[in-house]
Amino acid sequence: MSLPNIKIIGTGGTIAGVADSQTQTVDYKSGQVTVLELLDVIPEVADIANITSEQFCQIGSEHMTEDIWLGLAKRINELLQSDETDGIVITHGTDTLEETAYFLNLTVKSSKPVVLVGAMRPATALSADGPLNLFDAVLVAGDKQSHGKGTLICFGNMIISAREGTKTSTYQTNTFQGRGFGCIGTIVAGAVRYNYETTKKHTLESVFSIEEVDKLPTVEIVYQYAGSKECMVKAAAELGVDAVVVAGFGGGNFNKNLSEYVKSIKNMPSKPVIVRSTRVASGAVVRNGHINDDEYGTIAGDDLSPQKARILVMLALLKTKNPNEIQEFFYEY
């Protein structure tokens, strides 16, 4: 039986990090090791796939940008058009891995697997988690069961949907979890097992295309806290941003200061789109719940985290500025 052809794309991150000693797991340099050097540690990967690789960028993922997203998505779409590529694995830092994964989930135009993988310990650490995570990611990308499931995150023997995956710990190796819904599959004894798959639109079903896009709309996130003022949303509006995602209280609630300001700008022609998300770890923001979205002209962010709501509204604004149509995107994606 022929092996799948998997392309590994390196972007840097802790999985490619280097420290001064084997016991040092903080204050290391991210993105120092190339993909080829990572593969040298796991020669067994040649038993499960034909590997080719390229280094797309070499950064700590805290430095990820929208421009890099656009370039990466375009490169992946180009690679997946070829019959010589059966799947793609992307090595990535964990800080923004979930955001890159969700962006690709909405902009990759193929049913072939795209799997993001990272590590919590640098490549030089004792019990570095990167090698096994990378091996598992190649296994997942090369498995026919992975087709049509959207962009995936592979971490700690778990397979997580890009839409749900989120980093939950600053140091634990099982940091990535499915926000509210768990993992969709696991890797057990070298076998890929799926339990369920998302019903949300992604990849080939997505209406979002970035092939002709050179710049994405500007979207900021503002965090609500006890006693917070409206000044940050007001400043964003005055700077001319296209949208603001508010990480609100509970079910996406605003305090009095922000409520009055958002209501006051509802009919301003140049006002930014306002999306209500939540700072809570899981759960949905329901339309016309504690905040009347019809009255305030706001959009309910459903169960997307603030950072993923930002990505969806960013892409939605490429299609429409109609708040009702944007709201539908939040139900569908």
Protein backbone atom coordinates (compact mmCIF):
# COMPACT_ATOMS: atom_id res chain seq x y z
CA MET A 1 0.00 0.00 0.00
CA SER A 2 1.39 3.42 -0.97
CA LEU A 3 2.04 5.98 1.74
CA PRO A 4 0.28 9.37 1.79
CA ASN A 5 2.23 12.41 0.60
CA ILE A 6 2.31 14.93 3.44
CA LYS A 7 3.75 18.43 3.22
CA ILE A 8 5.01 19.90 6.51
CA ILE A 9 5.04 23.70 6.65
CA GLY A 10 7.11 25.29 9.39
CA THR A 11 6.21 28.60 10.99
CA GLY A 12 8.37 28.47 14.13
CA GLY A 13 7.05 28.43 17.69
CA THR A 14 8.01 26.53 20.83
CA ILE A 15 8.05 23.24 18.96
CA ALA A 16 11.09 24.71 17.18
CA GLY A 17 12.44 26.43 20.30
CA VAL A 18 15.90 26.18 21.83
CA ALA A 19 16.96 26.68 25.46
CA ASP A 20 20.33 26.74 27.20
CA SER A 21 19.67 23.51 29.11
CA GLN A 22 17.42 20.46 28.98
CA THR A 23 15.57 21.52 32.12
CA GLN A 24 14.81 25.04 30.89
CA THR A 25 11.20 25.31 29.74
CA VAL A 26 10.82 29.10 30.01
CA ASP A 27 12.88 31.97 28.61
CA TYR A 28 13.86 29.97 25.54
CA LYS A 29 14.14 31.19 21.96
CA SER A 30 11.17 30.22 19.79
CA GLY A 31 11.44 29.30 16.13
CA GLN A 32 15.10 28.32 16.02
CA VAL A 33 14.89 24.75 14.72
CA THR A 34 13.92 24.04 11.11
CA VAL A 35 11.34 21.50 10.01
CA LEU A 36 14.09 19.24 8.71
CA GLU A 37 15.81 19.30 12.11
CA LEU A 38 12.51 18.46 13.82
CA LEU A 39 12.08 15.48 11.52
CA ASP A 40 15.58 14.19 12.30
CA VAL A 41 14.36 13.36 15.82
CA ILE A 42 11.49 11.18 14.55
CA PRO A 43 12.83 9.02 11.69
CA GLU A 44 9.82 6.72 12.24
CA VAL A 45 7.68 9.28 10.42
CA ALA A 46 9.06 7.85 7.17
CA ASP A 47 7.12 4.66 7.95
CA ILE A 48 3.75 6.44 7.84
CA ALA A 49 4.12 9.08 5.11
CA ASN A 50 6.22 10.44 2.28
CA ILE A 51 7.37 13.76 3.71
CA THR A 52 8.33 16.98 2.01
CA SER A 53 8.72 20.25 3.87
CA GLU A 54 9.15 23.97 3.58
CA GLN A 55 9.86 26.76 6.04
CA PHE A 56 7.15 29.38 5.54
CA CYS A 57 8.31 31.62 8.39
CA GLN A 58 10.28 31.28 11.62
CA ILE A 59 8.59 33.24 14.41
CA GLY A 60 7.16 32.96 17.89
CA SER A 61 3.42 32.86 17.26
CA GLU A 62 2.83 35.96 19.38
CA HIS A 63 4.19 37.73 16.29
CA MET A 64 1.64 36.17 13.91
CA THR A 65 -0.10 38.71 11.66
CA GLU A 66 -3.02 38.87 9.26
CA ASP A 67 -0.57 39.27 6.37
CA ILE A 68 1.08 35.98 7.27
CA TRP A 69 -2.35 34.33 7.49
CA LEU A 70 -3.20 35.50 3.99
CA GLY A 71 0.07 34.26 2.56
CA LEU A 72 -0.18 30.94 4.38
CA ALA A 73 -3.75 30.28 3.26
CA LYS A 74 -2.88 31.08 -0.35
CA ARG A 75 0.15 28.78 -0.22
CA ILE A 76 -1.89 25.93 1.28
CA ASN A 77 -4.59 26.31 -1.36
CA GLU A 78 -1.91 26.17 -4.02
CA LEU A 79 -0.34 23.02 -2.55
CA LEU A 80 -3.63 21.19 -2.08
CA GLN A 81 -4.55 21.61 -5.74
CA SER A 82 -1.79 19.14 -6.57
CA ASP A 83 -2.44 15.40 -6.69
CA GLU A 84 1.01 15.04 -5.16
CA THR A 85 -0.17 16.50 -1.83
CA ASP A 86 -2.56 14.39 0.25
CA GLY A 87 -2.45 16.50 3.39
CA ILE A 88 -0.65 19.32 5.18
CA VAL A 89 0.82 19.64 8.66
CA ILE A 90 1.72 23.09 10.00
CA THR A 91 4.13 23.45 12.92
CA HIS A 92 3.09 26.52 14.90
CA GLY A 93 3.56 28.30 18.20
CA THR A 94 0.77 27.71 20.70
CA ASP A 95 0.00 31.35 21.55
CA THR A 96 -2.01 32.01 18.37
CA LEU A 97 -2.30 28.47 16.99
CA GLU A 98 -6.07 28.40 17.54
CA GLU A 99 -6.52 31.64 15.59
CA THR A 100 -4.45 30.50 12.61
CA ALA A 101 -6.33 27.20 12.64
CA TYR A 102 -9.74 28.91 12.55
CA PHE A 103 -8.66 31.34 9.83
CA LEU A 104 -7.54 28.39 7.68
CA ASN A 105 -10.73 26.53 8.55
CA LEU A 106 -12.66 29.32 6.84
CA THR A 107 -10.33 30.01 3.90
CA VAL A 108 -8.79 26.70 2.77
CA LYS A 109 -10.64 25.39 -0.29
CA SER A 110 -10.04 21.65 -0.08
CA SER A 111 -11.39 18.61 1.74
CA LYS A 112 -7.84 17.34 2.24
CA PRO A 113 -6.60 17.40 5.84
CA VAL A 114 -4.82 20.46 7.21
CA VAL A 115 -3.47 19.81 10.71
CA LEU A 116 -1.82 22.33 13.03
CA VAL A 117 0.58 21.12 15.70
CA GLY A 118 2.82 22.68 18.33
CA ALA A 119 4.45 22.00 21.67
CA MET A 120 4.60 23.41 25.17
CA ARG A 121 8.23 22.49 25.72
CA PRO A 122 11.10 23.57 23.47
CA ALA A 123 12.83 21.02 21.27
CA THR A 124 15.82 20.91 23.64
CA ALA A 125 13.80 20.05 26.77
CA LEU A 126 13.70 16.78 28.67
CA SER A 127 10.53 14.96 27.62
CA ALA A 128 9.91 17.47 24.83
CA ASP A 129 6.31 17.00 23.64
CA GLY A 130 6.91 18.26 20.10
CA PRO A 131 8.22 15.04 18.47
CA LEU A 132 5.23 12.86 19.40
CA ASN A 133 2.77 15.66 18.64
CA LEU A 134 4.35 16.06 15.19
CA PHE A 135 4.32 12.30 14.54
CA ASP A 136 0.63 12.18 15.50
CA ALA A 137 -0.16 15.17 13.28
CA VAL A 138 1.40 13.44 10.27
CA LEU A 139 -0.59 10.31 11.13
CA VAL A 140 -3.83 12.34 11.25
CA ALA A 141 -3.06 14.26 8.05
CA GLY A 142 -2.40 11.03 6.20
CA ASP A 143 -5.52 9.22 7.39
CA LYS A 144 -8.45 9.08 4.96
CA GLN A 145 -10.86 9.52 7.88
CA SER A 146 -9.54 13.07 8.29
CA HIS A 147 -10.88 14.22 4.91
CA GLY A 148 -13.75 16.69 5.06
CA LYS A 149 -13.43 17.48 8.76
CA GLY A 150 -12.04 20.98 8.33
CA THR A 151 -8.79 22.27 9.76
CA LEU A 152 -7.68 20.26 12.78
CA ILE A 153 -5.44 20.72 15.81
CA CYS A 154 -3.38 17.73 16.97
CA PHE A 155 -2.04 17.95 20.50
CA GLY A 156 -1.47 15.50 23.35
CA ASN A 157 -2.94 12.52 21.45
CA MET A 158 -6.13 14.51 20.82
CA ILE A 159 -7.70 15.70 17.58
CA ILE A 160 -9.58 18.96 18.02
CA SER A 161 -11.71 20.95 15.59
CA ALA A 162 -10.18 24.32 14.66
CA ARG A 163 -13.44 26.04 15.60
CA GLU A 164 -13.47 24.69 19.14
CA GLY A 165 -9.76 24.30 19.95
CA THR A 166 -8.32 26.67 22.52
CA LYS A 167 -5.22 26.95 24.69
CA THR A 168 -6.20 26.45 28.33
CA SER A 169 -2.90 26.43 30.24
CA THR A 170 0.32 28.41 30.10
CA TYR A 171 2.49 25.36 30.78
CA GLN A 172 0.63 22.01 30.72
CA THR A 173 1.29 19.74 27.76
CA ASN A 174 -2.44 18.98 27.40
CA THR A 175 -3.16 22.69 27.06
CA PHE A 176 -5.32 22.40 23.93
CA GLN A 177 -8.93 21.44 24.56
CA GLY A 178 -12.17 21.70 22.66
CA ARG A 179 -13.97 24.77 24.01
CA GLY A 180 -17.24 23.40 25.37
CA PHE A 181 -17.37 20.30 23.17
CA GLY A 182 -14.15 18.37 23.74
CA CYS A 183 -11.96 16.66 21.18
CA ILE A 184 -13.45 15.12 18.04
CA GLY A 185 -10.98 12.26 17.99
CA THR A 186 -7.90 10.66 19.49
CA ILE A 187 -4.73 8.84 18.48
CA VAL A 188 -4.54 5.53 20.32
CA ALA A 189 -1.75 3.00 19.79
CA GLY A 190 -0.89 4.54 16.44
CA ALA A 191 -4.50 4.53 15.21
CA VAL A 192 -6.68 7.54 14.41
CA ARG A 193 -10.14 7.35 15.99
CA TYR A 194 -12.90 9.89 15.41
CA ASN A 195 -15.90 10.29 17.72
CA TYR A 196 -17.85 13.02 15.93
CA GLU A 197 -17.39 15.98 13.58
CA THR A 198 -18.56 19.56 13.47
CA THR A 199 -21.75 20.52 11.65
CA LYS A 200 -20.55 24.09 11.16
CA LYS A 201 -19.52 25.21 7.68
CA HIS A 202 -15.84 25.16 6.79
CA THR A 203 -13.33 24.81 3.94
CA LEU A 204 -15.22 23.86 0.74
CA GLU A 205 -18.56 24.99 2.20
CA SER A 206 -17.15 28.35 3.24
CA VAL A 207 -18.10 31.40 1.18
CA PHE A 208 -14.96 33.25 2.22
CA SER A 209 -12.24 33.51 -0.41
CA ILE A 210 -8.95 35.33 0.12
CA GLU A 211 -7.19 34.65 -3.18
CA GLU A 212 -7.66 38.25 -4.36
CA VAL A 213 -7.42 39.81 -0.89
CA ASP A 214 -4.33 41.81 0.04
CA LYS A 215 -5.56 43.35 3.29
CA LEU A 216 -8.15 42.25 5.82
CA PRO A 217 -10.57 44.59 7.62
CA THR A 218 -9.39 46.03 10.92
CA VAL A 219 -11.09 44.43 13.92
CA GLU A 220 -10.19 45.06 17.57
CA ILE A 221 -11.15 43.25 20.79
CA VAL A 222 -12.16 45.15 23.93
CA TYR A 223 -12.40 43.40 27.30
CA GLN A 224 -15.14 44.23 29.83
CA TYR A 225 -14.32 44.22 33.55
CA ALA A 226 -15.84 45.65 36.73
CA GLY A 227 -15.91 49.42 36.37
CA SER A 228 -14.71 49.46 32.75
CA LYS A 229 -15.43 52.56 30.71
CA GLU A 230 -16.56 52.94 27.13
CA CYS A 231 -13.34 54.74 26.17
CA MET A 232 -11.63 51.81 24.44
CA VAL A 233 -14.58 51.11 22.13
CA LYS A 234 -14.95 54.85 21.55
CA ALA A 235 -11.26 55.18 20.70
CA ALA A 236 -11.47 52.26 18.27
CA ALA A 237 -14.50 53.84 16.60
CA GLU A 238 -12.75 57.22 16.31
CA LEU A 239 -9.72 55.51 14.76
CA GLY A 240 -11.99 54.14 12.05
CA VAL A 241 -11.75 50.42 12.76
CA ASP A 242 -14.19 48.26 10.84
CA ALA A 243 -15.46 46.27 13.81
CA VAL A 244 -15.04 45.78 17.55
CA VAL A 245 -15.53 42.49 19.36
CA VAL A 246 -16.47 43.06 22.99
CA ALA A 247 -15.47 40.29 25.40
CA GLY A 248 -18.43 40.97 27.63
CA PHE A 249 -19.65 39.76 30.99
CA GLY A 250 -21.51 36.45 31.25
CA GLY A 251 -23.72 36.03 28.20
CA GLY A 252 -22.07 38.92 26.39
CA ASN A 253 -23.38 41.66 28.67
CA PHE A 254 -22.24 45.31 28.66
CA ASN A 255 -22.12 47.54 31.69
CA LYS A 256 -24.03 50.84 31.76
CA ASN A 257 -21.14 52.91 30.37
CA LEU A 258 -20.70 50.78 27.27
CA SER A 259 -24.43 50.14 26.79
CA GLU A 260 -25.18 53.86 26.58
CA TYR A 261 -22.30 54.51 24.20
CA VAL A 262 -23.13 51.63 21.83
CA LYS A 263 -26.78 52.68 21.75
CA SER A 264 -25.79 56.30 21.03
CA ILE A 265 -23.80 55.39 17.89
CA LYS A 266 -26.31 52.90 16.46
CA ASN A 267 -27.32 55.17 13.58
CA MET A 268 -23.90 56.65 12.84
CA PRO A 269 -23.06 55.78 9.21
CA SER A 270 -19.37 55.26 9.93
CA LYS A 271 -19.74 53.32 13.19
CA PRO A 272 -17.89 50.01 13.52
CA VAL A 273 -19.76 46.73 13.61
CA ILE A 274 -20.09 45.70 17.27
CA VAL A 275 -19.99 41.98 18.10
CA ARG A 276 -20.94 40.75 21.55
CA SER A 277 -18.73 37.89 22.73
CA THR A 278 -17.94 36.72 26.24
CA ARG A 279 -14.90 36.56 28.48
CA VAL A 280 -16.32 33.32 29.95
CA ALA A 281 -14.49 30.12 28.97
CA SER A 282 -17.47 28.47 27.28
CA GLY A 283 -21.10 28.98 26.37
CA ALA A 284 -23.07 30.94 23.80
CA VAL A 285 -23.96 34.61 23.52
CA VAL A 286 -27.62 34.56 22.51
CA ARG A 287 -29.16 37.19 20.27
CA ASN A 288 -31.53 39.57 22.07
CA GLY A 289 -30.67 38.05 25.44
CA HIS A 290 -29.74 40.46 28.24
CA ILE A 291 -28.78 42.93 25.51
CA ASN A 292 -31.39 43.70 22.85
CA ASP A 293 -29.29 43.39 19.69
CA ASP A 294 -32.11 44.73 17.52
CA GLU A 295 -32.21 47.88 19.62
CA TYR A 296 -28.45 48.32 19.94
CA GLY A 297 -27.53 47.31 16.39
CA THR A 298 -25.12 44.68 17.70
CA ILE A 299 -24.32 41.11 16.66
CA ALA A 300 -24.40 38.12 18.99
CA GLY A 301 -21.16 36.13 18.76
CA ASP A 302 -22.78 32.75 19.53
CA ASP A 303 -20.22 30.39 21.16
CA LEU A 304 -17.06 31.66 19.46
CA SER A 305 -14.28 32.98 21.67
CA PRO A 306 -13.51 36.70 21.24
CA GLN A 307 -10.40 35.96 19.17
CA LYS A 308 -12.30 33.67 16.82
CA ALA A 309 -15.29 36.02 16.63
CA ARG A 310 -12.76 38.61 15.45
CA ILE A 311 -11.64 36.33 12.64
CA LEU A 312 -15.16 35.53 11.50
CA VAL A 313 -16.30 39.16 11.43
CA MET A 314 -13.08 40.12 9.65
CA LEU A 315 -13.89 37.69 6.84
CA ALA A 316 -17.60 38.48 6.94
CA LEU A 317 -16.85 42.14 6.25
CA LEU A 318 -15.23 41.10 2.98
CA LYS A 319 -18.70 39.96 1.91
CA THR A 320 -21.15 42.37 3.55
CA LYS A 321 -21.63 45.16 6.07
CA ASN A 322 -25.26 44.21 6.70
CA PRO A 323 -25.50 43.25 10.40
CA ASN A 324 -28.30 40.76 9.76
CA GLU A 325 -26.22 38.93 7.17
CA ILE A 326 -23.17 38.96 9.46
CA GLN A 327 -25.34 37.52 12.23
CA GLU A 328 -26.24 34.61 9.96
CA PHE A 329 -22.54 33.89 9.45
CA PHE A 330 -22.17 33.50 13.21
CA TYR A 331 -24.92 30.87 13.21
CA GLU A 332 -23.45 29.02 10.21
CA TYR A 333 -19.72 29.07 10.99
